[in-house]
């Protein structure tokens, strides 16, 4: 019997998976494959925290497939070579996958489609990880949007009409089953040292947990989302982002789960965050390598400082800047692979506009340490803060780390959780520990004066905008 390959990528789920359902309905043996791409030069390698998540997500996907009498075949190397080898070995005459949107993946997939079709193999790709294809949402002149609000308004006129696809019921096995790599041989998990203890305590990768987390959020937190989402001391967000990044849940599933509830301003705000993700993917699709290249080319000549000067970059990475809200965020990131969204903006603004360190250096740190590192959201967020992207924050918007801490962590609970060495300070000093004359060996003083840094940043930004 002929077989069909389902090539899993960032869609590690069984439900609402168009490629998998297409293979099931083809009537052929289904060969589920995941390829750890180590050969395509323009596809960005996963960071360390993402590799930890990938290991456990693949393990969960394999278990779910085995419950259906199937299994996940693992291969490492060049996808084009591996697909060609599997097609010959298993009498494959059809290949299905869900689309990726970064330029490197698109170019690779186009080459593979062409090569397979020349050999008489059917190839189909599907929309699975976005509500809208990046080419579907355009201005009246047919151009991509560069500002979020009109983009999301246009999306609202194209509300998704389809329903999430069902969980497959029967996956006929291929004949024969090919040999699979051992997942442990990929060495995705840290061992020397094993720094993932906090990740294990915080997260459970996999489709089942993604669905459970969404249900708990809708039942218990959605009604207070607008009020609590900005407060890092509360778990007021859905924390769906790593599950979305790995495709353990689809945006359509989230959309349907939220919109079937009674309409509310909280639901609208939550869905607009899903809309920002759509916007980020539109930018990724139309702008190319946004992790390396400024969208606004005037930033190419910006005089960034030496990141190693005075150990400032390392102080930021390790949560030792002397500004508690910044340091708490970076320590949360290091321990759990995640950082509250408001604190992400504060920490990014501090690196870019206080320390004048190139946004790409911060983006790379987040890419390596975030479990939800995402090819679109990550660089778009950093370019938004830097002012170098589309729909960017005005250059004169510079977060004051003290005032931001006082506003969003008023009681200092978030700071006390992540900076225990100053947990005993009273509320009026928890955001300004230098006023309490804390010894530097206990907690450092500010590595830079924010007021002076702000004026320097404004000067450089004004010069750049009037150049």
Protein backbone atom coordinates (compact mmCIF):
# COMPACT_ATOMS: atom_id res chain seq x y z
CA UNK A 1 0.00 0.00 0.00
CA UNK A 2 1.22 3.49 -0.78
CA UNK A 3 1.83 5.90 2.07
CA UNK A 4 1.52 9.60 2.78
CA UNK A 5 3.94 11.61 4.90
CA UNK A 6 2.69 14.13 7.43
CA UNK A 7 5.62 16.43 8.06
CA UNK A 8 5.18 17.96 11.51
CA UNK A 9 6.96 21.27 12.15
CA UNK A 10 5.59 23.95 14.48
CA UNK A 11 2.21 22.17 14.65
CA UNK A 12 2.81 19.52 17.30
CA UNK A 13 -0.81 18.54 17.87
CA UNK A 14 -3.40 16.07 16.58
CA UNK A 15 -6.57 18.18 16.74
CA UNK A 16 -7.20 20.98 14.24
CA UNK A 17 -4.25 19.81 12.17
CA UNK A 18 -5.18 20.13 8.48
CA UNK A 19 -2.15 18.24 7.17
CA UNK A 20 -2.83 15.29 9.46
CA UNK A 21 -6.53 15.17 8.59
CA UNK A 22 -5.72 15.33 4.87
CA UNK A 23 -3.41 12.35 5.28
CA UNK A 24 -6.03 10.43 7.26
CA UNK A 25 -8.67 11.08 4.60
CA UNK A 26 -6.34 10.05 1.76
CA UNK A 27 -6.92 6.40 2.60
CA UNK A 28 -3.20 5.66 2.54
CA UNK A 29 -0.86 4.56 5.26
CA UNK A 30 0.09 7.61 7.35
CA UNK A 31 3.74 8.24 8.16
CA UNK A 32 4.09 11.02 10.80
CA UNK A 33 7.55 12.56 10.61
CA UNK A 34 9.39 15.28 12.52
CA UNK A 35 12.70 16.48 11.07
CA UNK A 36 15.15 18.39 13.24
CA UNK A 37 16.48 20.71 10.56
CA UNK A 38 20.19 21.24 11.09
CA UNK A 39 21.13 21.91 7.47
CA UNK A 40 19.01 24.72 6.04
CA UNK A 41 21.18 27.81 6.55
CA UNK A 42 18.38 30.40 6.47
CA UNK A 43 16.19 28.63 9.04
CA UNK A 44 16.96 29.92 12.51
CA UNK A 45 18.11 27.22 14.97
CA UNK A 46 16.06 26.87 18.15
CA UNK A 47 17.41 28.44 21.32
CA UNK A 48 18.30 26.46 24.43
CA UNK A 49 14.96 26.89 26.23
CA UNK A 50 13.04 26.09 23.04
CA UNK A 51 15.07 22.91 22.59
CA UNK A 52 14.05 21.81 26.09
CA UNK A 53 10.40 22.42 25.21
CA UNK A 54 10.75 20.70 21.83
CA UNK A 55 12.07 17.52 23.46
CA UNK A 56 9.06 17.22 25.74
CA UNK A 57 6.55 18.29 23.10
CA UNK A 58 7.81 15.64 20.67
CA UNK A 59 7.60 13.06 23.44
CA UNK A 60 3.98 14.06 24.12
CA UNK A 61 3.10 13.98 20.42
CA UNK A 62 4.57 10.51 20.01
CA UNK A 63 2.54 9.26 22.97
CA UNK A 64 -0.65 10.72 21.48
CA UNK A 65 0.07 9.09 18.14
CA UNK A 66 0.79 5.74 19.77
CA UNK A 67 -2.63 5.91 21.44
CA UNK A 68 -4.01 5.82 17.88
CA UNK A 69 -1.81 2.89 16.89
CA UNK A 70 0.68 5.14 15.10
CA UNK A 71 4.03 6.67 16.07
CA UNK A 72 6.29 9.64 15.34
CA UNK A 73 9.35 9.04 13.17
CA UNK A 74 12.26 11.30 14.07
CA UNK A 75 15.04 12.24 11.67
CA UNK A 76 17.78 14.85 11.94
CA UNK A 77 19.50 16.64 9.08
CA UNK A 78 18.43 18.17 5.75
CA UNK A 79 14.64 17.93 5.27
CA UNK A 80 14.90 17.79 1.50
CA UNK A 81 17.25 14.79 1.67
CA UNK A 82 15.30 13.02 4.41
CA UNK A 83 11.92 13.43 2.72
CA UNK A 84 13.38 12.05 -0.51
CA UNK A 85 14.83 9.03 1.33
CA UNK A 86 11.60 8.31 3.21
CA UNK A 87 9.55 8.63 0.04
CA UNK A 88 11.63 5.95 -1.66
CA UNK A 89 11.78 3.69 1.39
CA UNK A 90 8.06 3.73 2.22
CA UNK A 91 6.40 3.99 -1.21
CA UNK A 92 5.22 7.54 -0.52
CA UNK A 93 3.07 9.20 -3.17
CA UNK A 94 1.71 12.14 -1.12
CA UNK A 95 3.19 14.59 1.37
CA UNK A 96 1.26 16.98 3.58
CA UNK A 97 2.48 19.79 5.81
CA UNK A 98 1.26 23.00 7.41
CA UNK A 99 2.82 26.25 6.31
CA UNK A 100 5.68 28.14 7.92
CA UNK A 101 6.08 31.83 7.14
CA UNK A 102 9.71 32.81 7.61
CA UNK A 103 11.63 33.31 4.40
CA UNK A 104 14.10 30.47 4.93
CA UNK A 105 11.36 27.91 5.54
CA UNK A 106 9.30 29.15 2.61
CA UNK A 107 12.24 28.88 0.22
CA UNK A 108 13.08 25.38 1.50
CA UNK A 109 9.46 24.26 1.19
CA UNK A 110 9.19 25.63 -2.35
CA UNK A 111 12.29 23.68 -3.40
CA UNK A 112 10.91 20.53 -1.83
CA UNK A 113 7.49 20.94 -3.44
CA UNK A 114 9.07 21.35 -6.87
CA UNK A 115 11.37 18.34 -6.44
CA UNK A 116 8.57 16.07 -5.19
CA UNK A 117 6.12 17.04 -7.90
CA UNK A 118 8.76 16.37 -10.53
CA UNK A 119 8.88 12.82 -9.14
CA UNK A 120 5.10 12.46 -9.35
CA UNK A 121 4.49 12.90 -5.62
CA UNK A 122 1.46 14.94 -4.56
CA UNK A 123 2.34 17.78 -2.19
CA UNK A 124 -0.19 19.89 -0.30
CA UNK A 125 0.36 22.57 2.32
CA UNK A 126 -2.22 24.15 4.62
CA UNK A 127 -2.94 27.11 6.88
CA UNK A 128 -2.86 25.79 10.43
CA UNK A 129 -1.09 28.22 12.74
CA UNK A 130 -2.66 31.56 11.78
CA UNK A 131 -6.22 32.84 11.55
CA UNK A 132 -5.41 34.67 8.33
CA UNK A 133 -2.78 34.14 5.69
CA UNK A 134 -0.37 37.11 5.56
CA UNK A 135 -1.42 37.86 1.99
CA UNK A 136 -5.14 37.89 2.86
CA UNK A 137 -5.16 41.05 5.01
CA UNK A 138 -4.12 44.10 2.97
CA UNK A 139 -4.93 47.77 2.59
CA UNK A 140 -7.36 48.94 -0.09
CA UNK A 141 -4.35 49.42 -2.38
CA UNK A 142 -3.29 45.82 -1.82
CA UNK A 143 -0.30 46.64 0.38
CA UNK A 144 0.49 45.02 3.74
CA UNK A 145 -0.51 46.99 6.80
CA UNK A 146 2.23 48.71 8.77
CA UNK A 147 0.06 49.78 11.73
CA UNK A 148 -1.68 47.32 14.01
CA UNK A 149 -5.02 49.04 14.67
CA UNK A 150 -6.19 49.23 11.02
CA UNK A 151 -4.75 45.74 10.45
CA UNK A 152 -6.89 44.28 13.22
CA UNK A 153 -9.90 46.29 12.09
CA UNK A 154 -9.50 44.74 8.63
CA UNK A 155 -9.19 41.31 10.21
CA UNK A 156 -12.48 41.84 12.02
CA UNK A 157 -14.16 42.05 8.62
CA UNK A 158 -12.68 38.64 7.76
CA UNK A 159 -13.70 36.77 10.88
CA UNK A 160 -12.78 33.10 10.59
CA UNK A 161 -15.74 31.12 9.35
CA UNK A 162 -14.22 27.65 9.54
CA UNK A 163 -14.42 25.43 12.59
CA UNK A 164 -11.43 23.64 14.12
CA UNK A 165 -10.87 20.23 12.59
CA UNK A 166 -11.54 17.13 14.70
CA UNK A 167 -9.02 14.85 16.34
CA UNK A 168 -8.15 12.01 13.92
CA UNK A 169 -9.76 8.68 14.69
CA UNK A 170 -7.78 6.19 12.66
CA UNK A 171 -4.30 6.47 11.19
CA UNK A 172 -3.48 3.53 8.98
CA UNK A 173 0.17 2.50 9.42
CA UNK A 174 2.69 2.68 6.58
CA UNK A 175 4.24 -0.51 5.27
CA UNK A 176 6.99 -0.71 6.33
CA UNK A 177 7.71 1.54 9.32
CA UNK A 178 11.08 3.22 8.75
CA UNK A 179 13.77 3.48 11.40
CA UNK A 180 13.47 6.46 13.74
CA UNK A 181 16.15 8.41 15.59
CA UNK A 182 16.17 8.15 19.35
CA UNK A 183 14.96 11.48 20.75
CA UNK A 184 17.62 11.47 23.47
CA UNK A 185 20.33 11.24 20.82
CA UNK A 186 19.44 14.75 19.71
CA UNK A 187 20.71 16.12 23.05
CA UNK A 188 18.01 18.77 23.26
CA UNK A 189 18.02 18.69 27.07
CA UNK A 190 20.68 20.48 29.12
CA UNK A 191 22.94 18.13 31.06
CA UNK A 192 26.17 19.86 32.06
CA UNK A 193 24.79 21.67 33.93
CA UNK A 194 21.11 20.82 33.99
CA UNK A 195 19.65 24.31 34.32
CA UNK A 196 16.08 23.29 33.46
CA UNK A 197 14.75 22.65 36.97
CA UNK A 198 12.68 25.83 36.95
CA UNK A 199 11.27 24.99 33.53
CA UNK A 200 10.18 21.57 34.72
CA UNK A 201 8.49 23.10 37.75
CA UNK A 202 6.70 25.75 35.67
CA UNK A 203 5.63 24.03 32.44
CA UNK A 204 4.19 20.85 31.02
CA UNK A 205 4.59 20.84 27.23
CA UNK A 206 2.14 19.03 24.99
CA UNK A 207 -1.29 19.36 23.42
CA UNK A 208 -3.21 18.05 26.44
CA UNK A 209 -1.74 20.68 28.74
CA UNK A 210 -2.30 23.40 26.14
CA UNK A 211 -6.01 22.59 26.06
CA UNK A 212 -6.19 22.39 29.85
CA UNK A 213 -4.41 25.72 30.31
CA UNK A 214 -6.79 27.42 27.87
CA UNK A 215 -9.86 26.00 29.62
CA UNK A 216 -8.62 27.09 33.04
CA UNK A 217 -7.85 30.56 31.76
CA UNK A 218 -11.29 31.01 30.20
CA UNK A 219 -13.09 29.65 33.27
CA UNK A 220 -11.15 31.51 35.94
CA UNK A 221 -9.14 34.43 34.53
CA UNK A 222 -10.68 35.78 31.34
CA UNK A 223 -13.26 37.87 33.21
CA UNK A 224 -10.46 39.86 34.89
CA UNK A 225 -8.07 39.86 31.96
CA UNK A 226 -8.00 43.60 31.22
CA UNK A 227 -7.34 44.46 34.86
CA UNK A 228 -4.88 41.70 35.79
CA UNK A 229 -2.90 41.23 32.55
CA UNK A 230 -0.57 44.14 33.34
CA UNK A 231 0.27 43.01 36.88
CA UNK A 232 3.27 40.66 36.96
CA UNK A 233 2.62 39.53 40.55
CA UNK A 234 -0.63 37.89 39.39
CA UNK A 235 -0.98 35.04 36.92
CA UNK A 236 -3.54 37.02 34.99
CA UNK A 237 -2.51 36.03 31.46
CA UNK A 238 -3.23 32.78 29.63
CA UNK A 239 0.43 31.74 29.32
CA UNK A 240 -0.60 30.19 26.04
CA UNK A 241 2.37 31.58 24.13
CA UNK A 242 4.77 28.58 24.24
CA UNK A 243 1.94 26.22 23.34
CA UNK A 244 1.11 28.47 20.37
CA UNK A 245 4.77 28.78 19.38
CA UNK A 246 5.07 25.00 19.06
CA UNK A 247 1.61 24.57 17.58
CA UNK A 248 0.31 22.45 20.45
CA UNK A 249 -2.87 24.48 20.11
CA UNK A 250 -4.11 26.46 17.14
CA UNK A 251 -5.22 30.11 17.12
CA UNK A 252 -8.53 28.95 15.63
CA UNK A 253 -9.13 26.71 18.64
CA UNK A 254 -8.42 29.64 20.95
CA UNK A 255 -10.62 31.94 18.90
CA UNK A 256 -13.55 29.53 18.99
CA UNK A 257 -13.18 28.80 22.71
CA UNK A 258 -13.23 32.51 23.57
CA UNK A 259 -15.91 33.70 21.13
CA UNK A 260 -18.38 31.02 22.20
CA UNK A 261 -18.46 32.69 25.61
CA UNK A 262 -20.57 35.75 26.36
CA UNK A 263 -18.98 38.73 24.56
CA UNK A 264 -17.05 41.07 26.83
CA UNK A 265 -14.38 43.74 26.77
CA UNK A 266 -12.03 41.25 28.45
CA UNK A 267 -12.56 38.77 25.62
CA UNK A 268 -12.04 41.49 23.01
CA UNK A 269 -8.78 42.53 24.64
CA UNK A 270 -7.57 38.94 24.81
CA UNK A 271 -8.41 38.35 21.15
CA UNK A 272 -6.58 41.53 20.18
CA UNK A 273 -3.44 39.98 21.67
CA UNK A 274 -4.01 37.06 19.31
CA UNK A 275 -4.38 39.72 16.63
CA UNK A 276 -0.96 41.15 17.48
CA UNK A 277 0.51 37.72 16.79
CA UNK A 278 -1.21 37.73 13.39
CA UNK A 279 0.22 41.19 12.73
CA UNK A 280 3.71 40.03 13.68
CA UNK A 281 3.49 37.17 11.19
CA UNK A 282 2.33 39.54 8.49
CA UNK A 283 5.44 41.64 9.14
CA UNK A 284 7.66 38.53 9.12
CA UNK A 285 6.19 37.39 5.82
CA UNK A 286 6.47 40.74 4.04
CA UNK A 287 9.67 42.16 5.55
CA UNK A 288 12.03 39.16 5.56
CA UNK A 289 14.80 38.78 8.14
CA UNK A 290 13.35 40.99 10.86
CA UNK A 291 15.56 39.38 13.52
CA UNK A 292 18.62 40.92 11.85
CA UNK A 293 17.47 43.86 9.73
CA UNK A 294 15.89 47.12 10.84
CA UNK A 295 12.57 47.65 9.12
CA UNK A 296 13.24 51.40 9.29
CA UNK A 297 16.55 51.75 7.48
CA UNK A 298 17.43 55.03 9.20
CA UNK A 299 18.31 52.90 12.24
CA UNK A 300 21.13 51.20 10.33
CA UNK A 301 23.42 54.08 11.31
CA UNK A 302 22.33 54.33 14.95
CA UNK A 303 25.40 54.65 17.25
CA UNK A 304 24.82 51.74 19.61
CA UNK A 305 27.19 51.44 22.57
CA UNK A 306 29.69 48.65 23.19
CA UNK A 307 27.60 45.94 24.92
CA UNK A 308 30.58 44.76 26.96
CA UNK A 309 31.47 48.18 28.33
CA UNK A 310 31.42 48.09 32.11
CA UNK A 311 29.80 44.67 32.16
CA UNK A 312 26.42 46.26 31.53
CA UNK A 313 25.06 43.59 29.20
CA UNK A 314 25.95 40.81 31.62
CA UNK A 315 24.39 42.78 34.48
CA UNK A 316 21.17 43.04 32.46
CA UNK A 317 21.21 39.35 31.51
CA UNK A 318 21.77 38.23 35.10
CA UNK A 319 19.29 40.62 36.72
CA UNK A 320 21.92 42.78 38.42
CA UNK A 321 21.17 46.27 37.03
CA UNK A 322 20.09 47.75 40.36
CA UNK A 323 16.58 48.46 39.04
CA UNK A 324 14.35 45.88 40.76
CA UNK A 325 11.55 45.55 38.19
CA UNK A 326 14.10 44.97 35.41
CA UNK A 327 16.11 42.51 37.47
CA UNK A 328 13.05 40.60 38.64
CA UNK A 329 12.02 40.08 35.02
CA UNK A 330 15.41 38.85 33.89
CA UNK A 331 15.60 36.46 36.84
CA UNK A 332 12.12 35.15 36.13
CA UNK A 333 13.23 34.55 32.55
CA UNK A 334 16.39 32.72 33.60
CA UNK A 335 14.53 30.52 36.08
CA UNK A 336 11.34 29.71 34.15
CA UNK A 337 11.96 30.47 30.47
CA UNK A 338 9.20 33.07 30.53
CA UNK A 339 8.73 36.72 31.44
CA UNK A 340 5.56 38.70 32.02
CA UNK A 341 4.72 40.78 28.95
CA UNK A 342 4.71 44.17 30.70
CA UNK A 343 8.09 43.39 32.23
CA UNK A 344 9.42 42.30 28.83
CA UNK A 345 8.73 45.81 27.56
CA UNK A 346 10.35 47.43 30.60
CA UNK A 347 13.44 45.20 30.37
CA UNK A 348 13.77 45.74 26.62
CA UNK A 349 13.40 49.50 26.93
CA UNK A 350 16.09 49.55 29.62
CA UNK A 351 18.55 47.64 27.46
CA UNK A 352 17.89 49.68 24.34
CA UNK A 353 17.28 53.19 25.62
CA UNK A 354 19.06 53.32 28.99
CA UNK A 355 22.09 51.21 28.07
CA UNK A 356 21.93 52.02 24.31
CA UNK A 357 22.64 48.38 23.46
CA UNK A 358 21.56 47.17 20.02
CA UNK A 359 18.08 45.63 20.17
CA UNK A 360 19.34 42.58 18.24
CA UNK A 361 21.53 41.58 21.20
CA UNK A 362 18.52 41.58 23.50
CA UNK A 363 16.43 39.76 20.93
CA UNK A 364 19.03 37.00 20.71
CA UNK A 365 19.06 36.64 24.50
CA UNK A 366 15.29 36.26 24.55
CA UNK A 367 15.48 33.83 21.62
CA UNK A 368 17.82 31.60 23.61
CA UNK A 369 16.10 31.82 27.00
CA UNK A 370 12.36 32.01 26.23
CA UNK A 371 10.29 28.84 25.94
CA UNK A 372 7.90 30.86 23.76
CA UNK A 373 10.61 32.27 21.47
CA UNK A 374 8.80 32.96 18.24
CA UNK A 375 10.20 33.89 14.83
CA UNK A 376 7.66 36.71 14.44
CA UNK A 377 6.68 37.91 17.93
CA UNK A 378 10.21 38.04 19.31
CA UNK A 379 11.84 40.42 16.79
CA UNK A 380 8.67 42.43 16.19
CA UNK A 381 8.43 43.17 19.90
CA UNK A 382 12.05 44.24 20.12
CA UNK A 383 11.82 46.43 17.03
CA UNK A 384 8.64 47.99 18.41
CA UNK A 385 10.48 49.05 21.57
CA UNK A 386 13.55 50.19 19.64
CA UNK A 387 11.45 52.24 17.23
CA UNK A 388 13.05 50.52 14.25
CA UNK A 389 10.05 48.47 13.16
CA UNK A 390 6.61 49.05 11.72
CA UNK A 391 4.03 50.48 14.12
CA UNK A 392 6.95 51.25 16.40
CA UNK A 393 6.75 52.99 19.75
CA UNK A 394 7.58 56.72 19.43
CA UNK A 395 11.27 57.30 20.05
CA UNK A 396 10.49 59.56 22.99
CA UNK A 397 8.65 56.76 24.80
CA UNK A 398 11.26 55.59 27.29
CA UNK A 399 10.04 53.53 30.21
CA UNK A 400 11.12 54.77 33.63
CA UNK A 401 11.94 51.50 35.42
CA UNK A 402 11.14 52.91 38.85
CA UNK A 403 7.79 54.41 37.92
CA UNK A 404 6.85 51.31 35.92
CA UNK A 405 7.60 49.15 38.94
CA UNK A 406 5.56 51.36 41.24
CA UNK A 407 2.62 51.38 38.82
CA UNK A 408 2.44 47.69 37.93
CA UNK A 409 3.96 46.06 41.03
CA UNK A 410 2.74 48.54 43.60
CA UNK A 411 3.17 46.29 46.61
CA UNK A 412 6.47 44.89 45.36
CA UNK A 413 5.22 41.30 45.45
CA UNK A 414 6.75 40.40 42.08
CA UNK A 415 10.07 41.96 43.04
CA UNK A 416 10.14 40.18 46.39
CA UNK A 417 9.49 36.85 44.68
CA UNK A 418 12.46 37.15 42.34
CA UNK A 419 14.86 39.31 44.35
CA UNK A 420 14.73 37.76 47.83
CA UNK A 421 17.79 39.70 49.00
CA UNK A 422 15.69 42.88 49.19
CA UNK A 423 12.38 41.25 50.13
CA UNK A 424 12.51 42.84 53.59
CA UNK A 425 12.48 46.41 52.30
CA UNK A 426 9.33 48.45 52.92
CA UNK A 427 7.05 49.37 50.03
CA UNK A 428 8.39 52.91 49.80
CA UNK A 429 11.91 51.61 49.13
CA UNK A 430 11.38 48.29 47.34
CA UNK A 431 11.52 50.07 43.95
CA UNK A 432 14.42 52.32 45.06
CA UNK A 433 16.62 50.07 47.19
CA UNK A 434 19.52 52.51 46.99
CA UNK A 435 17.53 54.79 49.32
CA UNK A 436 17.76 52.04 51.93
CA UNK A 437 21.53 51.96 51.46
CA UNK A 438 21.55 48.25 50.65
CA UNK A 439 25.13 46.98 50.58
CA UNK A 440 26.36 46.41 46.99
CA UNK A 441 27.41 42.87 47.85
CA UNK A 442 23.78 42.19 48.78
CA UNK A 443 22.15 43.97 45.83
CA UNK A 444 23.91 46.35 43.42
CA UNK A 445 23.20 50.01 43.05
CA UNK A 446 21.94 51.28 39.68
CA UNK A 447 24.44 50.60 36.89
CA UNK A 448 23.31 53.79 35.16
CA UNK A 449 21.40 56.93 36.09
CA UNK A 450 18.07 56.67 34.31
CA UNK A 451 17.45 60.41 33.99
CA UNK A 452 20.83 61.03 32.37
CA UNK A 453 20.49 57.93 30.15
CA UNK A 454 17.07 59.11 29.01
CA UNK A 455 18.41 62.48 27.91
CA UNK A 456 21.28 60.83 26.03
CA UNK A 457 18.90 58.45 24.27
CA UNK A 458 16.55 61.29 23.30
CA UNK A 459 19.46 63.25 21.86
CA UNK A 460 20.65 60.32 19.73
CA UNK A 461 17.14 59.43 18.60
CA UNK A 462 16.36 63.04 17.61
CA UNK A 463 19.59 63.21 15.62
CA UNK A 464 18.71 59.96 13.87
CA UNK A 465 15.21 61.14 13.00
CA UNK A 466 16.46 64.43 11.59
CA UNK A 467 19.46 63.01 9.75
